[in-house]
């Protein structure tokens, strides 16, 4: 291939890329007015989901705190061994 044909192929490639970029720009500007209502509707529809999650978290927090407090109250004292890990004669390895 000669230098002239390489240059022509490069110019043709740039011309085609430019045409695609212009076409995509036109399509983007045409569709953009539809994007704003879609974003607004998505935000409005997400509000109940977020509020539901917040409600579940608020209702679950006291239950989890009470469970944690009860478990902390049942913890063995420092002088008393933990019965779950004490080997007895009936346990086998």
C-alpha atoms as a PDB file:
ATOM      1  CA  UNK A   1       0.000   0.000   0.000  1.00  0.00           C
ATOM      2  CA  UNK A   2       1.160   3.416  -0.781  1.00  0.00           C
ATOM      3  CA  UNK A   3       1.276   6.368   1.541  1.00  0.00           C
ATOM      4  CA  UNK A   4      -1.503   8.049  -0.440  1.00  0.00           C
ATOM      5  CA  UNK A   5      -3.962   5.151   0.013  1.00  0.00           C
ATOM      6  CA  UNK A   6      -3.180   4.950   3.749  1.00  0.00           C
ATOM      7  CA  UNK A   7      -3.968   8.639   4.096  1.00  0.00           C
ATOM      8  CA  UNK A   8      -7.220   8.249   2.160  1.00  0.00           C
ATOM      9  CA  UNK A   9      -8.287   5.312   4.350  1.00  0.00           C
ATOM     10  CA  UNK A  10      -7.489   7.323   7.487  1.00  0.00           C
ATOM     11  CA  UNK A  11      -9.484  10.322   6.233  1.00  0.00           C
ATOM     12  CA  UNK A  12     -12.401   8.062   5.337  1.00  0.00           C
ATOM     13  CA  UNK A  13     -12.290   6.497   8.822  1.00  0.00           C
ATOM     14  CA  UNK A  14     -12.323   9.942  10.465  1.00  0.00           C
ATOM     15  CA  UNK A  15     -15.204  11.040   8.248  1.00  0.00           C
ATOM     16  CA  UNK A  16     -17.255   7.950   9.160  1.00  0.00           C
ATOM     17  CA  UNK A  17     -16.496   8.391  12.889  1.00  0.00           C
ATOM     18  CA  UNK A  18     -17.576  12.029  12.657  1.00  0.00           C
ATOM     19  CA  UNK A  19     -20.842  11.015  10.985  1.00  0.00           C
ATOM     20  CA  UNK A  20     -21.556   8.519  13.775  1.00  0.00           C
ATOM     21  CA  UNK A  21     -20.780  11.081  16.479  1.00  0.00           C
ATOM     22  CA  UNK A  22     -23.099  13.653  14.881  1.00  0.00           C
ATOM     23  CA  UNK A  23     -25.863  11.069  14.517  1.00  0.00           C
ATOM     24  CA  UNK A  24     -25.561   9.957  18.152  1.00  0.00           C
ATOM     25  CA  UNK A  25     -25.575  13.601  19.258  1.00  0.00           C
ATOM     26  CA  UNK A  26     -28.789  14.262  17.361  1.00  0.00           C
ATOM     27  CA  UNK A  27     -30.440  11.188  18.860  1.00  0.00           C
ATOM     28  CA  UNK A  28     -29.260  12.116  22.370  1.00  0.00           C
ATOM     29  CA  UNK A  29     -30.671  15.632  22.111  1.00  0.00           C
ATOM     30  CA  UNK A  30     -33.939  14.261  20.765  1.00  0.00           C
ATOM     31  CA  UNK A  31     -34.349  11.744  23.604  1.00  0.00           C
ATOM     32  CA  UNK A  32     -33.082  14.049  26.407  1.00  0.00           C
ATOM     33  CA  UNK A  33     -36.481  15.684  27.130  1.00  0.00           C
ATOM     34  CA  UNK A  34     -37.873  12.222  27.867  1.00  0.00           C
ATOM     35  CA  UNK A  35     -35.049  11.459  30.315  1.00  0.00           C
ATOM     36  CA  UNK A  36     -36.074  14.145  32.822  1.00  0.00           C
ATOM     37  CA  UNK A  37     -39.588  12.762  33.438  1.00  0.00           C
ATOM     38  CA  UNK A  38     -38.171   9.241  33.713  1.00  0.00           C
ATOM     39  CA  UNK A  39     -35.683  10.359  36.374  1.00  0.00           C
ATOM     40  CA  UNK A  40     -38.429  12.224  38.258  1.00  0.00           C
ATOM     41  CA  UNK A  41     -40.801   9.239  38.155  1.00  0.00           C
ATOM     42  CA  UNK A  42     -38.038   6.915  39.326  1.00  0.00           C
ATOM     43  CA  UNK A  43     -37.285   9.187  42.278  1.00  0.00           C
ATOM     44  CA  UNK A  44     -40.972   9.444  43.189  1.00  0.00           C
ATOM     45  CA  UNK A  45     -41.436   5.674  42.974  1.00  0.00           C
ATOM     46  CA  UNK A  46     -38.299   5.057  45.078  1.00  0.00           C
ATOM     47  CA  UNK A  47     -39.631   7.109  48.012  1.00  0.00           C
ATOM     48  CA  UNK A  48     -42.087   4.427  49.283  1.00  0.00           C
ATOM     49  CA  UNK A  49     -39.399   1.754  49.033  1.00  0.00           C
ATOM     50  CA  UNK A  50     -36.962   3.860  51.039  1.00  0.00           C
ATOM     51  CA  UNK A  51     -39.618   4.726  53.617  1.00  0.00           C
ATOM     52  CA  UNK A  52     -40.524   1.045  53.953  1.00  0.00           C
ATOM     53  CA  UNK A  53     -36.900   0.150  54.582  1.00  0.00           C
ATOM     54  CA  UNK A  54     -36.615   2.935  57.137  1.00  0.00           C
ATOM     55  CA  UNK A  55     -39.762   1.716  58.892  1.00  0.00           C
ATOM     56  CA  UNK A  56     -38.440  -1.841  59.047  1.00  0.00           C
ATOM     57  CA  UNK A  57     -35.118  -0.599  60.442  1.00  0.00           C
ATOM     58  CA  UNK A  58     -36.855   1.509  63.102  1.00  0.00           C
ATOM     59  CA  UNK A  59     -39.068  -1.408  64.157  1.00  0.00           C
ATOM     60  CA  UNK A  60     -36.230  -3.948  64.151  1.00  0.00           C
ATOM     61  CA  UNK A  61     -33.741  -1.835  66.114  1.00  0.00           C
ATOM     62  CA  UNK A  62     -35.436  -2.145  69.545  1.00  0.00           C
ATOM     63  CA  UNK A  63     -35.906  -5.887  69.093  1.00  0.00           C
ATOM     64  CA  UNK A  64     -32.246  -6.359  68.203  1.00  0.00           C
ATOM     65  CA  UNK A  65     -31.110  -4.176  71.098  1.00  0.00           C
ATOM     66  CA  UNK A  66     -33.219  -6.155  73.580  1.00  0.00           C
ATOM     67  CA  UNK A  67     -31.845  -9.441  72.231  1.00  0.00           C
ATOM     68  CA  UNK A  68     -28.295  -8.137  72.562  1.00  0.00           C
ATOM     69  CA  UNK A  69     -28.941  -6.972  76.120  1.00  0.00           C
ATOM     70  CA  UNK A  70     -30.411 -10.345  77.086  1.00  0.00           C
ATOM     71  CA  UNK A  71     -27.459 -12.201  75.601  1.00  0.00           C
ATOM     72  CA  UNK A  72     -25.031  -9.938  77.429  1.00  0.00           C
ATOM     73  CA  UNK A  73     -26.878 -10.660  80.695  1.00  0.00           C
ATOM     74  CA  UNK A  74     -26.538 -14.397  80.149  1.00  0.00           C
ATOM     75  CA  UNK A  75     -22.790 -14.296  79.597  1.00  0.00           C
ATOM     76  CA  UNK A  76     -20.801 -16.345  82.102  1.00  0.00           C
ATOM     77  CA  UNK A  77     -19.099 -14.522  84.924  1.00  0.00           C
ATOM     78  CA  UNK A  78     -15.325 -14.323  85.030  1.00  0.00           C
ATOM     79  CA  UNK A  79     -14.985 -17.045  87.702  1.00  0.00           C
ATOM     80  CA  UNK A  80     -17.479 -19.414  86.120  1.00  0.00           C
ATOM     81  CA  UNK A  81     -16.343 -21.521  83.134  1.00  0.00           C
ATOM     82  CA  UNK A  82     -18.306 -21.422  79.917  1.00  0.00           C
ATOM     83  CA  UNK A  83     -20.348 -24.630  79.904  1.00  0.00           C
ATOM     84  CA  UNK A  84     -20.346 -24.926  76.137  1.00  0.00           C
ATOM     85  CA  UNK A  85     -16.602 -25.593  76.066  1.00  0.00           C
ATOM     86  CA  UNK A  86     -16.051 -27.662  79.199  1.00  0.00           C
ATOM     87  CA  UNK A  87     -15.000 -31.247  78.462  1.00  0.00           C
ATOM     88  CA  UNK A  88     -16.838 -33.849  80.423  1.00  0.00           C
ATOM     89  CA  UNK A  89     -16.415 -37.604  80.647  1.00  0.00           C
ATOM     90  CA  UNK A  90     -19.365 -38.149  78.300  1.00  0.00           C
ATOM     91  CA  UNK A  91     -17.903 -36.123  75.422  1.00  0.00           C
ATOM     92  CA  UNK A  92     -15.771 -37.937  72.913  1.00  0.00           C
ATOM     93  CA  UNK A  93     -13.258 -36.542  70.499  1.00  0.00           C
END
